[in-house]
Amino acid sequence: MEYRCSAETFENFLESPIWGDLSDELDRWLEDIRDTLEGINKRDDVIPLTHEQLQGAAYAVRYIKLLPENVLGNIIEDNERKENENAVK
């Protein structure tokens, strides 16, 4: 896959207050999911979900939290591969 951003741009994003705020919000989502699984979350505005749906939601939130670091790793690997290919030529 071809990425639009450089590794430096992604590193800056990971250190930015934007990602900090998003990450904090995702942590709150995980807390809500955990509370619901434990039967603690009794809010009326929570849509009733099955145990499996809640597990899937928790997995998705964790995946999203790791996504920027995974993309950064992919960009770095792609850059290294391209450098190696150019060195061989």
PDB file of N, CA and C in Angstrom:
ATOM      1  N   MET A   1       0.842  -1.173   0.000  1.00  0.00           N
ATOM      2  CA  MET A   1       0.000   0.000   0.000  1.00  0.00           C
ATOM      3  C   MET A   1       0.891   1.242   0.000  1.00  0.00           C
ATOM      4  N   GLU A   2       0.452   2.228  -0.721  1.00  0.00           N
ATOM      5  CA  GLU A   2       1.195   3.490  -0.780  1.00  0.00           C
ATOM      6  C   GLU A   2       0.598   4.467   0.236  1.00  0.00           C
ATOM      7  N   TYR A   3       1.419   4.955   1.142  1.00  0.00           N
ATOM      8  CA  TYR A   3       0.956   5.885   2.179  1.00  0.00           C
ATOM      9  C   TYR A   3       1.186   7.323   1.734  1.00  0.00           C
ATOM     10  N   ARG A   4       0.289   8.203   2.122  1.00  0.00           N
ATOM     11  CA  ARG A   4       0.387   9.619   1.771  1.00  0.00           C
ATOM     12  C   ARG A   4       1.310  10.384   2.718  1.00  0.00           C
ATOM     13  N   CYS A   5       1.474   9.882   3.932  1.00  0.00           N
ATOM     14  CA  CYS A   5       2.253  10.582   4.958  1.00  0.00           C
ATOM     15  C   CYS A   5       3.624   9.937   5.126  1.00  0.00           C
ATOM     16  N   SER A   6       4.533  10.745   5.604  1.00  0.00           N
ATOM     17  CA  SER A   6       5.867  10.235   5.926  1.00  0.00           C
ATOM     18  C   SER A   6       5.857   9.661   7.341  1.00  0.00           C
ATOM     19  N   ALA A   7       6.910   8.936   7.662  1.00  0.00           N
ATOM     20  CA  ALA A   7       7.052   8.401   9.021  1.00  0.00           C
ATOM     21  C   ALA A   7       7.094   9.545  10.027  1.00  0.00           C
ATOM     22  N   GLU A   8       7.758  10.622   9.667  1.00  0.00           N
ATOM     23  CA  GLU A   8       7.858  11.783  10.563  1.00  0.00           C
ATOM     24  C   GLU A   8       6.469  12.376  10.839  1.00  0.00           C
ATOM     25  N   THR A   9       5.631  12.434   9.812  1.00  0.00           N
ATOM     26  CA  THR A   9       4.279  12.966   9.996  1.00  0.00           C
ATOM     27  C   THR A   9       3.495  12.094  10.964  1.00  0.00           C
ATOM     28  N   PHE A  10       3.628  10.781  10.825  1.00  0.00           N
ATOM     29  CA  PHE A  10       2.915   9.879  11.734  1.00  0.00           C
ATOM     30  C   PHE A  10       3.470   9.968  13.148  1.00  0.00           C
ATOM     31  N   GLU A  11       4.780  10.110  13.280  1.00  0.00           N
ATOM     32  CA  GLU A  11       5.365  10.275  14.607  1.00  0.00           C
ATOM     33  C   GLU A  11       4.840  11.541  15.263  1.00  0.00           C
ATOM     34  N   ASN A  12       4.746  12.620  14.484  1.00  0.00           N
ATOM     35  CA  ASN A  12       4.206  13.874  15.014  1.00  0.00           C
ATOM     36  C   ASN A  12       2.745  13.702  15.423  1.00  0.00           C
ATOM     37  N   PHE A  13       1.985  12.963  14.628  1.00  0.00           N
ATOM     38  CA  PHE A  13       0.586  12.708  14.966  1.00  0.00           C
ATOM     39  C   PHE A  13       0.477  11.946  16.277  1.00  0.00           C
ATOM     40  N   LEU A  14       1.302  10.908  16.446  1.00  0.00           N
ATOM     41  CA  LEU A  14       1.254  10.110  17.673  1.00  0.00           C
ATOM     42  C   LEU A  14       1.614  10.931  18.910  1.00  0.00           C
ATOM     43  N   GLU A  15       2.423  11.959  18.725  1.00  0.00           N
ATOM     44  CA  GLU A  15       2.818  12.820  19.842  1.00  0.00           C
ATOM     45  C   GLU A  15       1.888  14.020  20.009  1.00  0.00           C
ATOM     46  N   SER A  16       0.928  14.178  19.116  1.00  0.00           N
ATOM     47  CA  SER A  16       0.077  15.362  19.117  1.00  0.00           C
ATOM     48  C   SER A  16      -1.046  15.259  20.141  1.00  0.00           C
ATOM     49  N   PRO A  17      -1.569  16.411  20.557  1.00  0.00           N
ATOM     50  CA  PRO A  17      -2.725  16.402  21.450  1.00  0.00           C
ATOM     51  C   PRO A  17      -3.965  15.818  20.776  1.00  0.00           C
ATOM     52  N   ILE A  18      -4.017  15.877  19.449  1.00  0.00           N
ATOM     53  CA  ILE A  18      -5.170  15.285  18.740  1.00  0.00           C
ATOM     54  C   ILE A  18      -5.222  13.793  19.019  1.00  0.00           C
ATOM     55  N   TRP A  19      -4.083  13.103  18.812  1.00  0.00           N
ATOM     56  CA  TRP A  19      -4.078  11.660  19.075  1.00  0.00           C
ATOM     57  C   TRP A  19      -4.264  11.390  20.563  1.00  0.00           C
ATOM     58  N   GLY A  20      -3.698  12.227  21.397  1.00  0.00           N
ATOM     59  CA  GLY A  20      -3.885  12.064  22.836  1.00  0.00           C
ATOM     60  C   GLY A  20      -5.356  12.113  23.214  1.00  0.00           C
ATOM     61  N   ASP A  21      -6.085  13.079  22.649  1.00  0.00           N
ATOM     62  CA  ASP A  21      -7.518  13.186  22.933  1.00  0.00           C
ATOM     63  C   ASP A  21      -8.285  11.995  22.381  1.00  0.00           C
ATOM     64  N   LEU A  22      -7.973  11.598  21.147  1.00  0.00           N
ATOM     65  CA  LEU A  22      -8.649  10.437  20.552  1.00  0.00           C
ATOM     66  C   LEU A  22      -8.374   9.169  21.352  1.00  0.00           C
ATOM     67  N   SER A  23      -7.133   8.996  21.749  1.00  0.00           N
ATOM     68  CA  SER A  23      -6.754   7.816  22.525  1.00  0.00           C
ATOM     69  C   SER A  23      -7.474   7.784  23.872  1.00  0.00           C
ATOM     70  N   ASP A  24      -7.564   8.946  24.515  1.00  0.00           N
ATOM     71  CA  ASP A  24      -8.299   9.026  25.784  1.00  0.00           C
ATOM     72  C   ASP A  24      -9.769   8.665  25.589  1.00  0.00           C
ATOM     73  N   GLU A  25     -10.358   9.134  24.510  1.00  0.00           N
ATOM     74  CA  GLU A  25     -11.762   8.818  24.228  1.00  0.00           C
ATOM     75  C   GLU A  25     -11.935   7.316  23.982  1.00  0.00           C
ATOM     76  N   LEU A  26     -11.014   6.717  23.250  1.00  0.00           N
ATOM     77  CA  LEU A  26     -11.084   5.272  23.010  1.00  0.00           C
ATOM     78  C   LEU A  26     -10.936   4.497  24.319  1.00  0.00           C
ATOM     79  N   ASP A  27     -10.104   5.000  25.221  1.00  0.00           N
ATOM     80  CA  ASP A  27      -9.981   4.366  26.542  1.00  0.00           C
ATOM     81  C   ASP A  27     -11.315   4.416  27.292  1.00  0.00           C
ATOM     82  N   ARG A  28     -12.010   5.541  27.177  1.00  0.00           N
ATOM     83  CA  ARG A  28     -13.342   5.647  27.815  1.00  0.00           C
ATOM     84  C   ARG A  28     -14.322   4.659  27.196  1.00  0.00           C
ATOM     85  N   TRP A  29     -14.236   4.471  25.892  1.00  0.00           N
ATOM     86  CA  TRP A  29     -15.100   3.487  25.236  1.00  0.00           C
ATOM     87  C   TRP A  29     -14.828   2.096  25.806  1.00  0.00           C
ATOM     88  N   LEU A  30     -13.536   1.770  25.949  1.00  0.00           N
ATOM     89  CA  LEU A  30     -13.184   0.458  26.510  1.00  0.00           C
ATOM     90  C   LEU A  30     -13.714   0.305  27.935  1.00  0.00           C
ATOM     91  N   GLU A  31     -13.626   1.375  28.723  1.00  0.00           N
ATOM     92  CA  GLU A  31     -14.161   1.330  30.084  1.00  0.00           C
ATOM     93  C   GLU A  31     -15.665   1.079  30.069  1.00  0.00           C
ATOM     94  N   ASP A  32     -16.385   1.759  29.173  1.00  0.00           N
ATOM     95  CA  ASP A  32     -17.830   1.542  29.062  1.00  0.00           C
ATOM     96  C   ASP A  32     -18.147   0.101  28.664  1.00  0.00           C
ATOM     97  N   ILE A  33     -17.377  -0.423  27.722  1.00  0.00           N
ATOM     98  CA  ILE A  33     -17.597  -1.813  27.296  1.00  0.00           C
ATOM     99  C   ILE A  33     -17.338  -2.761  28.457  1.00  0.00           C
ATOM    100  N   ARG A  34     -16.246  -2.540  29.163  1.00  0.00           N
ATOM    101  CA  ARG A  34     -15.906  -3.389  30.306  1.00  0.00           C
ATOM    102  C   ARG A  34     -16.986  -3.297  31.388  1.00  0.00           C
ATOM    103  N   ASP A  35     -17.444  -2.078  31.674  1.00  0.00           N
ATOM    104  CA  ASP A  35     -18.504  -1.906  32.666  1.00  0.00           C
ATOM    105  C   ASP A  35     -19.775  -2.634  32.245  1.00  0.00           C
ATOM    106  N   THR A  36     -20.094  -2.562  30.968  1.00  0.00           N
ATOM    107  CA  THR A  36     -21.281  -3.248  30.471  1.00  0.00           C
ATOM    108  C   THR A  36     -21.119  -4.759  30.601  1.00  0.00           C
ATOM    109  N   LEU A  37     -19.939  -5.274  30.258  1.00  0.00           N
ATOM    110  CA  LEU A  37     -19.683  -6.714  30.387  1.00  0.00           C
ATOM    111  C   LEU A  37     -19.774  -7.177  31.834  1.00  0.00           C
ATOM    112  N   GLU A  38     -19.351  -6.305  32.753  1.00  0.00           N
ATOM    113  CA  GLU A  38     -19.373  -6.645  34.170  1.00  0.00           C
ATOM    114  C   GLU A  38     -20.731  -6.353  34.816  1.00  0.00           C
ATOM    115  N   GLY A  39     -21.663  -5.809  34.025  1.00  0.00           N
ATOM    116  CA  GLY A  39     -22.984  -5.516  34.548  1.00  0.00           C
ATOM    117  C   GLY A  39     -23.058  -4.247  35.361  1.00  0.00           C
ATOM    118  N   ILE A  40     -22.006  -3.414  35.277  1.00  0.00           N
ATOM    119  CA  ILE A  40     -21.956  -2.184  36.058  1.00  0.00           C
ATOM    120  C   ILE A  40     -22.663  -1.048  35.325  1.00  0.00           C
ATOM    121  N   ASN A  41     -22.573  -1.048  34.011  1.00  0.00           N
ATOM    122  CA  ASN A  41     -23.104   0.051  33.205  1.00  0.00           C
ATOM    123  C   ASN A  41     -24.618  -0.085  33.085  1.00  0.00           C
ATOM    124  N   LYS A  42     -25.335   0.740  33.789  1.00  0.00           N
ATOM    125  CA  LYS A  42     -26.795   0.677  33.815  1.00  0.00           C
ATOM    126  C   LYS A  42     -27.428   1.904  33.149  1.00  0.00           C
ATOM    127  N   ARG A  43     -26.661   2.592  32.297  1.00  0.00           N
ATOM    128  CA  ARG A  43     -27.198   3.789  31.654  1.00  0.00           C
ATOM    129  C   ARG A  43     -28.336   3.424  30.713  1.00  0.00           C
ATOM    130  N   ASP A  44     -29.320   4.303  30.621  1.00  0.00           N
ATOM    131  CA  ASP A  44     -30.463   4.077  29.748  1.00  0.00           C
ATOM    132  C   ASP A  44     -30.133   4.275  28.270  1.00  0.00           C
ATOM    133  N   ASP A  45     -29.064   5.051  27.990  1.00  0.00           N
ATOM    134  CA  ASP A  45     -28.751   5.359  26.591  1.00  0.00           C
ATOM    135  C   ASP A  45     -27.851   4.308  25.941  1.00  0.00           C
ATOM    136  N   VAL A  46     -27.535   3.242  26.657  1.00  0.00           N
ATOM    137  CA  VAL A  46     -26.685   2.187  26.119  1.00  0.00           C
ATOM    138  C   VAL A  46     -27.569   1.167  25.403  1.00  0.00           C
ATOM    139  N   ILE A  47     -27.232   0.899  24.159  1.00  0.00           N
ATOM    140  CA  ILE A  47     -27.976  -0.087  23.377  1.00  0.00           C
ATOM    141  C   ILE A  47     -27.582  -1.474  23.881  1.00  0.00           C
ATOM    142  N   PRO A  48     -28.563  -2.319  24.211  1.00  0.00           N
ATOM    143  CA  PRO A  48     -28.217  -3.651  24.708  1.00  0.00           C
ATOM    144  C   PRO A  48     -27.520  -4.480  23.617  1.00  0.00           C
ATOM    145  N   LEU A  49     -26.364  -5.009  23.963  1.00  0.00           N
ATOM    146  CA  LEU A  49     -25.584  -5.831  23.039  1.00  0.00           C
ATOM    147  C   LEU A  49     -25.299  -7.178  23.679  1.00  0.00           C
ATOM    148  N   THR A  50     -25.062  -8.177  22.841  1.00  0.00           N
ATOM    149  CA  THR A  50     -24.707  -9.492  23.359  1.00  0.00           C
ATOM    150  C   THR A  50     -23.257  -9.477  23.834  1.00  0.00           C
ATOM    151  N   HIS A  51     -22.903 -10.482  24.590  1.00  0.00           N
ATOM    152  CA  HIS A  51     -21.535 -10.632  25.084  1.00  0.00           C
ATOM    153  C   HIS A  51     -20.551 -10.643  23.910  1.00  0.00           C
ATOM    154  N   GLU A  52     -20.906 -11.355  22.856  1.00  0.00           N
ATOM    155  CA  GLU A  52     -20.023 -11.456  21.688  1.00  0.00           C
ATOM    156  C   GLU A  52     -19.885 -10.114  20.985  1.00  0.00           C
ATOM    157  N   GLN A  53     -20.971  -9.356  20.911  1.00  0.00           N
ATOM    158  CA  GLN A  53     -20.901  -8.040  20.284  1.00  0.00           C
ATOM    159  C   GLN A  53     -19.998  -7.105  21.097  1.00  0.00           C
ATOM    160  N   LEU A  54     -20.106  -7.171  22.404  1.00  0.00           N
ATOM    161  CA  LEU A  54     -19.265  -6.340  23.256  1.00  0.00           C
ATOM    162  C   LEU A  54     -17.798  -6.731  23.131  1.00  0.00           C
ATOM    163  N   GLN A  55     -17.529  -8.040  23.046  1.00  0.00           N
ATOM    164  CA  GLN A  55     -16.148  -8.485  22.855  1.00  0.00           C
ATOM    165  C   GLN A  55     -15.612  -7.978  21.519  1.00  0.00           C
ATOM    166  N   GLY A  56     -16.445  -8.044  20.487  1.00  0.00           N
ATOM    167  CA  GLY A  56     -16.038  -7.552  19.173  1.00  0.00           C
ATOM    168  C   GLY A  56     -15.779  -6.058  19.192  1.00  0.00           C
ATOM    169  N   ALA A  57     -16.627  -5.318  19.919  1.00  0.00           N
ATOM    170  CA  ALA A  57     -16.432  -3.870  20.026  1.00  0.00           C
ATOM    171  C   ALA A  57     -15.119  -3.559  20.741  1.00  0.00           C
ATOM    172  N   ALA A  58     -14.820  -4.292  21.800  1.00  0.00           N
ATOM    173  CA  ALA A  58     -13.566  -4.076  22.534  1.00  0.00           C
ATOM    174  C   ALA A  58     -12.365  -4.378  21.639  1.00  0.00           C
ATOM    175  N   TYR A  59     -12.453  -5.447  20.864  1.00  0.00           N
ATOM    176  CA  TYR A  59     -11.374  -5.795  19.935  1.00  0.00           C
ATOM    177  C   TYR A  59     -11.175  -4.669  18.921  1.00  0.00           C
ATOM    178  N   ALA A  60     -12.285  -4.151  18.374  1.00  0.00           N
ATOM    179  CA  ALA A  60     -12.201  -3.086  17.371  1.00  0.00           C
ATOM    180  C   ALA A  60     -11.569  -1.825  17.961  1.00  0.00           C
ATOM    181  N   VAL A  61     -11.940  -1.461  19.178  1.00  0.00           N
ATOM    182  CA  VAL A  61     -11.374  -0.260  19.809  1.00  0.00           C
ATOM    183  C   VAL A  61      -9.880  -0.447  20.032  1.00  0.00           C
ATOM    184  N   ARG A  62      -9.480  -1.614  20.504  1.00  0.00           N
ATOM    185  CA  ARG A  62      -8.041  -1.866  20.705  1.00  0.00           C
ATOM    186  C   ARG A  62      -7.284  -1.812  19.378  1.00  0.00           C
ATOM    187  N   TYR A  63      -7.888  -2.346  18.326  1.00  0.00           N
ATOM    188  CA  TYR A  63      -7.273  -2.329  17.001  1.00  0.00           C
ATOM    189  C   TYR A  63      -7.088  -0.887  16.525  1.00  0.00           C
ATOM    190  N   ILE A  64      -8.113  -0.066  16.712  1.00  0.00           N
ATOM    191  CA  ILE A  64      -8.030   1.338  16.302  1.00  0.00           C
ATOM    192  C   ILE A  64      -6.929   2.053  17.081  1.00  0.00           C
ATOM    193  N   LYS A  65      -6.800   1.749  18.378  1.00  0.00           N
ATOM    194  CA  LYS A  65      -5.748   2.384  19.183  1.00  0.00           C
ATOM    195  C   LYS A  65      -4.350   2.030  18.671  1.00  0.00           C
ATOM    196  N   LEU A  66      -4.195   0.840  18.103  1.00  0.00           N
ATOM    197  CA  LEU A  66      -2.896   0.408  17.594  1.00  0.00           C
ATOM    198  C   LEU A  66      -2.646   0.822  16.144  1.00  0.00           C
ATOM    199  N   LEU A  67      -3.689   1.252  15.460  1.00  0.00           N
ATOM    200  CA  LEU A  67      -3.595   1.536  14.039  1.00  0.00           C
ATOM    201  C   LEU A  67      -2.513   2.547  13.670  1.00  0.00           C
ATOM    202  N   PRO A  68      -2.427   3.699  14.334  1.00  0.00           N
ATOM    203  CA  PRO A  68      -1.370   4.648  13.947  1.00  0.00           C
ATOM    204  C   PRO A  68       0.043   4.070  14.087  1.00  0.00           C
ATOM    205  N   GLU A  69       0.293   3.325  15.153  1.00  0.00           N
ATOM    206  CA  GLU A  69       1.618   2.733  15.329  1.00  0.00           C
ATOM    207  C   GLU A  69       1.880   1.657  14.282  1.00  0.00           C
ATOM    208  N   ASN A  70       0.847   0.898  13.919  1.00  0.00           N
ATOM    209  CA  ASN A  70       1.005  -0.117  12.877  1.00  0.00           C
ATOM    210  C   ASN A  70       1.304   0.521  11.529  1.00  0.00           C
ATOM    211  N   VAL A  71       0.586   1.603  11.212  1.00  0.00           N
ATOM    212  CA  VAL A  71       0.836   2.300   9.948  1.00  0.00           C
ATOM    213  C   VAL A  71       2.249   2.880   9.952  1.00  0.00           C
ATOM    214  N   LEU A  72       2.659   3.467  11.060  1.00  0.00           N
ATOM    215  CA  LEU A  72       4.021   4.002  11.167  1.00  0.00           C
ATOM    216  C   LEU A  72       5.038   2.893  10.911  1.00  0.00           C
ATOM    217  N   GLY A  73       4.833   1.742  11.515  1.00  0.00           N
ATOM    218  CA  GLY A  73       5.734   0.618  11.290  1.00  0.00           C
ATOM    219  C   GLY A  73       5.761   0.198   9.830  1.00  0.00           C
ATOM    220  N   ASN A  74       4.602   0.192   9.184  1.00  0.00           N
ATOM    221  CA  ASN A  74       4.543  -0.161   7.763  1.00  0.00           C
ATOM    222  C   ASN A  74       5.298   0.847   6.901  1.00  0.00           C
ATOM    223  N   ILE A  75       5.142   2.130   7.218  1.00  0.00           N
ATOM    224  CA  ILE A  75       5.846   3.172   6.467  1.00  0.00           C
ATOM    225  C   ILE A  75       7.355   2.996   6.618  1.00  0.00           C
ATOM    226  N   ILE A  76       7.800   2.757   7.838  1.00  0.00           N
ATOM    227  CA  ILE A  76       9.242   2.571   8.087  1.00  0.00           C
ATOM    228  C   ILE A  76       9.752   1.349   7.337  1.00  0.00           C
ATOM    229  N   GLU A  77       9.005   0.253   7.384  1.00  0.00           N
ATOM    230  CA  GLU A  77       9.404  -0.958   6.649  1.00  0.00           C
ATOM    231  C   GLU A  77       9.454  -0.706   5.149  1.00  0.00           C
ATOM    232  N   ASP A  78       8.455  -0.005   4.622  1.00  0.00           N
ATOM    233  CA  ASP A  78       8.444   0.309   3.189  1.00  0.00           C
ATOM    234  C   ASP A  78       9.647   1.157   2.811  1.00  0.00           C
ATOM    235  N   ASN A  79       9.964   2.148   3.643  1.00  0.00           N
ATOM    236  CA  ASN A  79      11.127   3.004   3.374  1.00  0.00           C
ATOM    237  C   ASN A  79      12.416   2.195   3.378  1.00  0.00           C
ATOM    238  N   GLU A  80      12.554   1.293   4.347  1.00  0.00           N
ATOM    239  CA  GLU A  80      13.754   0.461   4.422  1.00  0.00           C
ATOM    240  C   GLU A  80      13.857  -0.462   3.213  1.00  0.00           C
ATOM    241  N   ARG A  81      12.719  -1.032   2.795  1.00  0.00           N
ATOM    242  CA  ARG A  81      12.711  -1.918   1.633  1.00  0.00           C
ATOM    243  C   ARG A  81      13.134  -1.147   0.383  1.00  0.00           C
ATOM    244  N   LYS A  82      12.583   0.064   0.223  1.00  0.00           N
ATOM    245  CA  LYS A  82      12.928   0.882  -0.937  1.00  0.00           C
ATOM    246  C   LYS A  82      14.406   1.263  -0.915  1.00  0.00           C
ATOM    247  N   GLU A  83      14.929   1.591   0.265  1.00  0.00           N
ATOM    248  CA  GLU A  83      16.365   1.930   0.380  1.00  0.00           C
ATOM    249  C   GLU A  83      17.228   0.734   0.013  1.00  0.00           C
ATOM    250  N   ASN A  84      16.835  -0.438   0.456  1.00  0.00           N
ATOM    251  CA  ASN A  84      17.585  -1.660   0.138  1.00  0.00           C
ATOM    252  C   ASN A  84      17.531  -1.961  -1.358  1.00  0.00           C
ATOM    253  N   GLU A  85      16.353  -1.762  -1.964  1.00  0.00           N
ATOM    254  CA  GLU A  85      16.223  -1.989  -3.396  1.00  0.00           C
ATOM    255  C   GLU A  85      17.098  -1.018  -4.169  1.00  0.00           C
ATOM    256  N   ASN A  86      17.138   0.229  -3.742  1.00  0.00           N
ATOM    257  CA  ASN A  86      17.963   1.238  -4.419  1.00  0.00           C
ATOM    258  C   ASN A  86      19.452   0.972  -4.224  1.00  0.00           C
ATOM    259  N   ALA A  87      19.826   0.419  -3.074  1.00  0.00           N
ATOM    260  CA  ALA A  87      21.231   0.117  -2.796  1.00  0.00           C
ATOM    261  C   ALA A  87      21.720  -1.025  -3.679  1.00  0.00           C
ATOM    262  N   VAL A  88      20.817  -1.949  -4.025  1.00  0.00           N
ATOM    263  CA  VAL A  88      21.191  -3.100  -4.839  1.00  0.00           C
ATOM    264  C   VAL A  88      21.373  -2.702  -6.304  1.00  0.00           C
ATOM    265  N   LYS A  89      20.672  -1.671  -6.730  1.00  0.00           N
ATOM    266  CA  LYS A  89      20.723  -1.255  -8.153  1.00  0.00           C
ATOM    267  C   LYS A  89      22.041  -0.664  -8.510  1.00  0.00           C
TER     268      LYS A  89
END
